[in-house]
Amino acid sequence: MSLKRDCDLSPVNRDRIAQAKVAAQSKNISYAISLYEIVLKEEPLYRPAENDFLYTIAMAYVKMGKYQMACNIYDRILSVDPRDGDALAGLKNVEAAIPRRSFPWKE
């Protein structure tokens, strides 16, 4: 199976993505994320044409403390372009931001 672009989506999901992009530009990130997640549930192979939208969603996940979701977004970008410097840097930053658990070491 190949990845789906905007033009491969159903009309309803194309509209959702368009609404999500407008919401992200308007700083209504939670609404943009909810629309994006609906599309991903229905179209798991969807890959947006513009990475800027995905970077915005990933950064929002980080701010919300949803580090694994941010990693998933960066992995999605890197699955198409493994050399994407912004995605590689974003992934490193997310991994560095993940709170480390302290373990009760026995002495």
Protein backbone atom coordinates (compact mmCIF):
# COMPACT_ATOMS: atom_id res chain seq x y z
CA MET A 1 0.00 0.00 0.00
CA SER A 2 1.16 3.50 -0.74
CA LEU A 3 0.75 6.63 1.29
CA LYS A 4 -2.26 8.83 0.61
CA ARG A 5 -1.98 12.51 -0.25
CA ASP A 6 -4.66 15.17 0.10
CA CYS A 7 -6.01 14.42 -3.38
CA ASP A 8 -6.51 10.73 -2.45
CA LEU A 9 -8.75 11.46 0.52
CA SER A 10 -12.52 11.34 0.52
CA PRO A 11 -14.17 14.75 0.06
CA VAL A 12 -15.20 14.76 3.72
CA ASN A 13 -11.66 14.13 4.93
CA ARG A 14 -10.20 16.67 2.48
CA ASP A 15 -12.57 19.21 4.03
CA ARG A 16 -11.48 18.18 7.55
CA ILE A 17 -7.82 18.67 6.65
CA ALA A 18 -8.57 22.08 5.14
CA GLN A 19 -10.43 23.04 8.33
CA ALA A 20 -7.56 21.70 10.46
CA LYS A 21 -5.02 23.81 8.55
CA VAL A 22 -7.13 26.94 9.04
CA ALA A 23 -7.55 26.11 12.72
CA ALA A 24 -3.79 25.59 13.15
CA GLN A 25 -3.05 28.93 11.47
CA SER A 26 -5.60 30.56 13.78
CA LYS A 27 -3.83 29.03 16.81
CA ASN A 28 -6.83 26.78 17.53
CA ILE A 29 -4.49 23.83 17.86
CA SER A 30 -6.74 21.54 19.88
CA TYR A 31 -9.42 21.71 17.16
CA ALA A 32 -6.81 21.15 14.44
CA ILE A 33 -5.51 18.09 16.28
CA SER A 34 -9.00 16.66 16.76
CA LEU A 35 -9.73 16.98 13.03
CA TYR A 36 -6.35 15.53 12.11
CA GLU A 37 -6.87 12.55 14.43
CA ILE A 38 -10.30 11.84 12.90
CA VAL A 39 -8.74 11.76 9.44
CA LEU A 40 -5.92 9.48 10.61
CA LYS A 41 -8.40 7.02 12.12
CA GLU A 42 -10.25 6.81 8.82
CA GLU A 43 -7.18 7.13 6.57
CA PRO A 44 -4.15 5.69 8.43
CA LEU A 45 -1.93 6.02 5.35
CA TYR A 46 -2.61 9.73 4.97
CA ARG A 47 0.47 11.93 4.63
CA PRO A 48 -0.07 15.70 4.20
CA ALA A 49 1.70 17.42 1.32
CA GLU A 50 2.89 20.27 3.55
CA ASN A 51 5.12 19.37 6.47
CA ASP A 52 4.51 22.75 8.12
CA PHE A 53 1.08 21.51 9.19
CA LEU A 54 2.62 18.38 10.71
CA TYR A 55 5.31 20.38 12.51
CA THR A 56 2.61 22.56 14.06
CA ILE A 57 0.68 19.50 15.23
CA ALA A 58 3.82 17.85 16.62
CA MET A 59 4.81 20.97 18.56
CA ALA A 60 1.30 21.19 19.97
CA TYR A 61 1.53 17.59 21.17
CA VAL A 62 4.79 18.44 22.95
CA LYS A 63 3.20 21.43 24.68
CA MET A 64 0.34 19.16 25.78
CA GLY A 65 2.81 16.60 27.15
CA LYS A 66 1.79 14.01 24.52
CA TYR A 67 5.35 13.14 23.62
CA GLN A 68 4.63 9.80 21.96
CA MET A 69 2.08 11.44 19.65
CA ALA A 70 4.70 14.04 18.67
CA CYS A 71 7.20 11.26 17.98
CA ASN A 72 4.61 9.53 15.80
CA ILE A 73 4.17 12.70 13.74
CA TYR A 74 7.92 13.10 13.21
CA ASP A 75 8.21 9.39 12.34
CA ARG A 76 5.45 9.88 9.77
CA ILE A 77 7.47 12.68 8.13
CA LEU A 78 10.68 10.66 8.26
CA SER A 79 9.02 7.61 6.70
CA VAL A 80 8.70 9.64 3.51
CA ASP A 81 11.92 11.65 3.77
CA PRO A 82 14.45 10.12 6.18
CA ARG A 83 16.75 13.14 5.68
CA ASP A 84 14.23 15.80 6.70
CA GLY A 85 16.41 17.91 8.99
CA ASP A 86 13.50 19.65 10.72
CA ALA A 87 11.84 16.33 11.53
CA LEU A 88 15.11 14.81 12.75
CA ALA A 89 15.74 17.82 14.99
CA GLY A 90 12.13 17.80 16.21
CA LEU A 91 12.33 14.12 17.08
CA LYS A 92 15.57 14.65 19.02
CA ASN A 93 14.01 17.56 20.89
CA VAL A 94 10.94 15.53 21.79
CA GLU A 95 13.06 12.63 22.98
CA ALA A 96 15.07 15.06 25.12
CA ALA A 97 11.87 16.58 26.54
CA ILE A 98 10.41 13.28 27.68
CA PRO A 99 10.51 13.27 31.46
CA ARG A 100 12.78 10.59 32.79
CA ARG A 101 11.48 8.40 35.53
CA SER A 102 13.59 8.06 38.59
CA PHE A 103 14.17 4.55 39.79
CA PRO A 104 14.60 3.68 43.44
CA TRP A 105 18.06 2.21 43.27
CA LYS A 106 19.09 -0.04 46.11
CA GLU A 107 22.40 0.77 47.68
